[in-house]
Amino acid sequence: GFCCLYSKSNIKRGVKVFLLGLGITVVTVVFIPSQAIYFGILHFMGVSMLLFEAVKRWLDKRNPYIMLFVFTAVFFLTFRMRMGYLALPFGARIEIPSGAYHFWLAPLGLPGAGFASSDYFPLLPWFTLFLVGAMLGAMVQNRTLPAGLHITRSRALSAVGKRSLPIYLLHQPLIYLLLWVVLPLIKV
C-alpha cells in the first residue's frame, strides 16, 4: 500500500499483477494441482491496487491518523475470520455463520470447507493492512510523521523496488531448481 502513492498508474499495475496471479493459478492447477494457488499474493496485490485507486480520493479527504487507527483495528477484528469468527478485544468474539463461507467467497476471506490454496491472501484482513501502508505512505509523502521518522531515499532499495516483480516471479522457480539439484546430493 505504501508504494501506491508513488505509482504512475495503479490501474495498469493492478491489472498486470492480477493477470500474473491468474497465470500462476493456471500453471499450478495444470502442473502441480496438489499445490494450486487460487488467491495468492499476486491476486491480492493486483486487486488491492485497483481497490486503492477506487478509494484514493475518499482517503485523501480523511485524517490519516484516524484512518490508520481504523484500518489497524479492522485488521485485528478480521484476522481470525477464516477460522469462523471476528476477534474482539479481551478475547471476545463474534461467530460467523458457517453458511457465509463458500469457495467463491475465498477472495473476500470466507473460503468454504475444504478450500485449499498453497498461497492465500484474502482481502480481509490483508486489504486493511495494505491501507495501513497507504496511510503511512501518505504521511511520509506529506511529511506529517513525527520528526525523525522521515526516511531519506536509498538508491539500493529504490533499485530493488523497481525490479521487485521480476525478482518475486523468479525466486520460486530458482528455489525449486536449487532444491531439485541439491536434495538428491544430500543423504538423509
Protein backbone atom coordinates (compact mmCIF):
# COMPACT_ATOMS: atom_id res chain seq x y z
CA GLY A 1 0.00 0.00 0.00
CA PHE A 2 2.88 2.33 0.79
CA CYS A 3 4.07 2.38 -2.83
CA CYS A 4 0.67 3.04 -4.41
CA LEU A 5 1.09 6.75 -3.80
CA TYR A 6 4.22 6.74 -5.93
CA SER A 7 2.74 4.79 -8.84
CA LYS A 8 2.07 6.43 -12.19
CA SER A 9 -0.90 4.08 -12.70
CA ASN A 10 -2.26 1.81 -10.01
CA ILE A 11 -4.82 0.54 -12.51
CA LYS A 12 -2.18 -0.57 -15.02
CA ARG A 13 -0.03 -2.11 -12.26
CA GLY A 14 -3.03 -3.74 -10.62
CA VAL A 15 -4.27 -5.37 -13.81
CA LYS A 16 -0.76 -6.57 -14.71
CA VAL A 17 -0.11 -8.08 -11.28
CA PHE A 18 -3.56 -9.68 -11.12
CA LEU A 19 -3.12 -11.24 -14.57
CA LEU A 20 0.25 -12.63 -13.49
CA GLY A 21 -1.53 -14.14 -10.50
CA LEU A 22 -4.10 -15.74 -12.79
CA GLY A 23 -1.24 -17.13 -14.87
CA ILE A 24 0.26 -18.68 -11.76
CA THR A 25 -3.14 -20.19 -10.93
CA VAL A 26 -3.30 -21.81 -14.38
CA VAL A 27 0.27 -23.14 -14.14
CA THR A 28 -0.24 -24.57 -10.65
CA VAL A 29 -3.63 -26.12 -11.46
CA VAL A 30 -2.25 -27.77 -14.62
CA PHE A 31 1.24 -28.82 -13.49
CA ILE A 32 1.04 -29.17 -9.69
CA PRO A 33 -2.66 -29.41 -8.76
CA SER A 34 -1.84 -30.50 -5.22
CA GLN A 35 -0.18 -27.08 -4.77
CA ALA A 36 -2.72 -24.98 -6.69
CA ILE A 37 -2.87 -21.27 -5.90
CA TYR A 38 -6.33 -19.71 -6.07
CA PHE A 39 -6.00 -16.28 -4.46
CA GLY A 40 -2.34 -15.78 -3.68
CA ILE A 41 -0.25 -12.71 -3.05
CA LEU A 42 -0.25 -11.56 -6.70
CA HIS A 43 -4.04 -11.84 -6.97
CA PHE A 44 -4.35 -9.95 -3.71
CA MET A 45 -1.87 -7.23 -4.63
CA GLY A 46 -3.45 -6.68 -8.05
CA VAL A 47 -6.97 -6.38 -6.65
CA SER A 48 -5.74 -4.20 -3.78
CA MET A 49 -4.07 -1.76 -6.19
CA LEU A 50 -7.33 -1.49 -8.14
CA LEU A 51 -9.41 -1.05 -4.98
CA PHE A 52 -6.96 1.52 -3.65
CA GLU A 53 -7.35 3.56 -6.82
CA ALA A 54 -11.14 3.44 -6.35
CA VAL A 55 -10.96 4.79 -2.76
CA LYS A 56 -7.88 7.05 -3.06
CA ARG A 57 -9.77 10.34 -3.43
CA TRP A 58 -12.01 9.44 -0.49
CA LEU A 59 -8.96 8.59 1.63
CA ASP A 60 -7.23 11.86 0.67
CA LYS A 61 -10.04 13.74 2.47
CA ARG A 62 -9.66 11.79 5.71
CA ASN A 63 -7.37 12.28 8.68
CA PRO A 64 -4.54 9.77 8.09
CA TYR A 65 -4.04 9.16 11.82
CA ILE A 66 -7.71 8.25 12.32
CA MET A 67 -7.71 6.05 9.23
CA LEU A 68 -4.51 4.38 10.40
CA PHE A 69 -6.26 3.50 13.67
CA VAL A 70 -9.46 2.32 11.93
CA PHE A 71 -7.64 0.12 9.40
CA THR A 72 -5.43 -1.38 12.10
CA ALA A 73 -8.49 -2.13 14.25
CA VAL A 74 -10.34 -3.74 11.33
CA PHE A 75 -7.24 -5.81 10.54
CA PHE A 76 -7.21 -7.29 14.06
CA LEU A 77 -11.00 -7.68 14.04
CA THR A 78 -10.95 -9.72 10.81
CA PHE A 79 -7.65 -11.55 11.29
CA ARG A 80 -9.37 -14.74 12.53
CA MET A 81 -12.27 -14.53 10.09
CA ARG A 82 -11.05 -17.57 8.18
CA MET A 83 -11.38 -19.54 11.41
CA GLY A 84 -15.05 -18.62 11.75
CA TYR A 85 -15.13 -15.54 13.93
CA LEU A 86 -14.33 -11.86 14.31
CA ALA A 87 -11.88 -11.19 17.14
CA LEU A 88 -12.93 -8.55 19.63
CA PRO A 89 -10.80 -7.10 22.43
CA PHE A 90 -10.16 -9.12 25.59
CA GLY A 91 -10.70 -12.48 23.86
CA ALA A 92 -14.34 -11.84 22.96
CA ARG A 93 -15.52 -12.93 19.54
CA ILE A 94 -18.40 -12.78 17.13
CA GLU A 95 -19.07 -16.12 15.44
CA ILE A 96 -19.64 -16.03 11.68
CA PRO A 97 -22.36 -18.41 10.45
CA SER A 98 -20.89 -21.35 8.53
CA GLY A 99 -23.30 -20.62 5.67
CA ALA A 100 -21.36 -17.41 4.98
CA TYR A 101 -18.39 -19.45 3.71
CA HIS A 102 -18.13 -20.63 0.11
CA PHE A 103 -15.33 -21.39 -2.38
CA TRP A 104 -16.28 -18.34 -4.48
CA LEU A 105 -16.02 -16.07 -1.45
CA ALA A 106 -12.43 -17.12 -0.73
CA PRO A 107 -11.03 -13.84 -2.16
CA LEU A 108 -13.01 -11.96 0.49
CA GLY A 109 -11.69 -14.17 3.30
CA LEU A 110 -14.66 -16.54 3.54
CA PRO A 111 -13.39 -19.77 1.96
CA GLY A 112 -15.68 -22.77 2.03
CA ALA A 113 -14.99 -26.06 3.76
CA GLY A 114 -12.19 -27.95 2.05
CA PHE A 115 -10.75 -24.84 0.38
CA ALA A 116 -7.01 -25.16 -0.09
CA SER A 117 -4.51 -22.86 -1.74
CA SER A 118 -0.72 -23.03 -1.46
CA ASP A 119 -0.61 -19.25 -1.27
CA TYR A 120 -3.65 -17.48 0.16
CA PHE A 121 -4.05 -13.77 0.89
CA PRO A 122 -7.74 -12.85 1.13
CA LEU A 123 -8.85 -9.23 1.02
CA LEU A 124 -9.95 -9.46 4.63
CA PRO A 125 -7.89 -8.98 6.69
CA TRP A 126 -4.99 -8.13 4.35
CA PHE A 127 -6.51 -5.21 2.42
CA THR A 128 -6.81 -3.28 5.66
CA LEU A 129 -3.08 -3.81 6.25
CA PHE A 130 -2.49 -2.66 2.65
CA LEU A 131 -4.41 0.52 3.55
CA VAL A 132 -2.30 0.95 6.71
CA GLY A 133 0.71 1.01 4.38
CA ALA A 134 -1.03 3.55 2.16
CA MET A 135 -1.74 5.80 5.15
CA LEU A 136 1.89 5.56 6.28
CA GLY A 137 2.97 6.33 2.71
CA ALA A 138 0.75 9.41 2.71
CA MET A 139 2.26 10.55 5.99
CA VAL A 140 5.78 10.13 4.60
CA GLN A 141 4.85 11.84 1.35
CA ASN A 142 3.16 14.77 3.14
CA ARG A 143 5.86 14.85 5.84
CA THR A 144 3.24 14.59 8.61
CA LEU A 145 5.02 11.89 10.61
CA PRO A 146 6.67 12.94 13.86
CA ALA A 147 10.13 14.47 13.44
CA GLY A 148 12.90 11.93 12.92
CA LEU A 149 10.68 9.31 11.26
CA HIS A 150 11.10 10.54 7.71
CA ILE A 151 13.21 8.26 5.58
CA THR A 152 15.78 9.52 3.16
CA ARG A 153 15.93 7.90 -0.25
CA SER A 154 18.05 4.80 -0.60
CA ARG A 155 19.35 4.14 -4.10
CA ALA A 156 19.84 0.42 -3.39
CA LEU A 157 16.30 -0.05 -2.06
CA SER A 158 14.92 2.03 -4.91
CA ALA A 159 16.71 -0.17 -7.48
CA VAL A 160 15.39 -3.35 -5.87
CA GLY A 161 11.91 -1.84 -5.58
CA LYS A 162 11.79 -1.04 -9.28
CA ARG A 163 12.56 -4.70 -10.01
CA SER A 164 10.54 -6.34 -7.25
CA LEU A 165 8.01 -8.05 -9.53
CA PRO A 166 10.58 -9.88 -11.69
CA ILE A 167 12.53 -10.76 -8.54
CA TYR A 168 9.38 -12.18 -6.97
CA LEU A 169 8.44 -14.13 -10.09
CA LEU A 170 11.92 -15.66 -10.37
CA HIS A 171 12.55 -16.56 -6.75
CA GLN A 172 10.19 -19.58 -6.61
CA PRO A 173 11.43 -21.33 -9.76
CA LEU A 174 15.03 -20.72 -8.65
CA ILE A 175 14.35 -22.22 -5.23
CA TYR A 176 12.66 -25.27 -6.82
CA LEU A 177 15.59 -25.68 -9.22
CA LEU A 178 18.10 -25.38 -6.41
CA LEU A 179 16.24 -27.96 -4.31
CA TRP A 180 15.90 -30.27 -7.33
CA VAL A 181 19.69 -30.18 -7.76
CA VAL A 182 20.75 -30.15 -4.09
CA LEU A 183 18.31 -32.59 -2.44
CA PRO A 184 19.48 -35.65 -4.38
CA LEU A 185 23.02 -34.89 -3.20
CA ILE A 186 22.02 -34.87 0.46
CA LYS A 187 21.80 -38.23 2.16
CA VAL A 188 19.02 -38.18 4.70
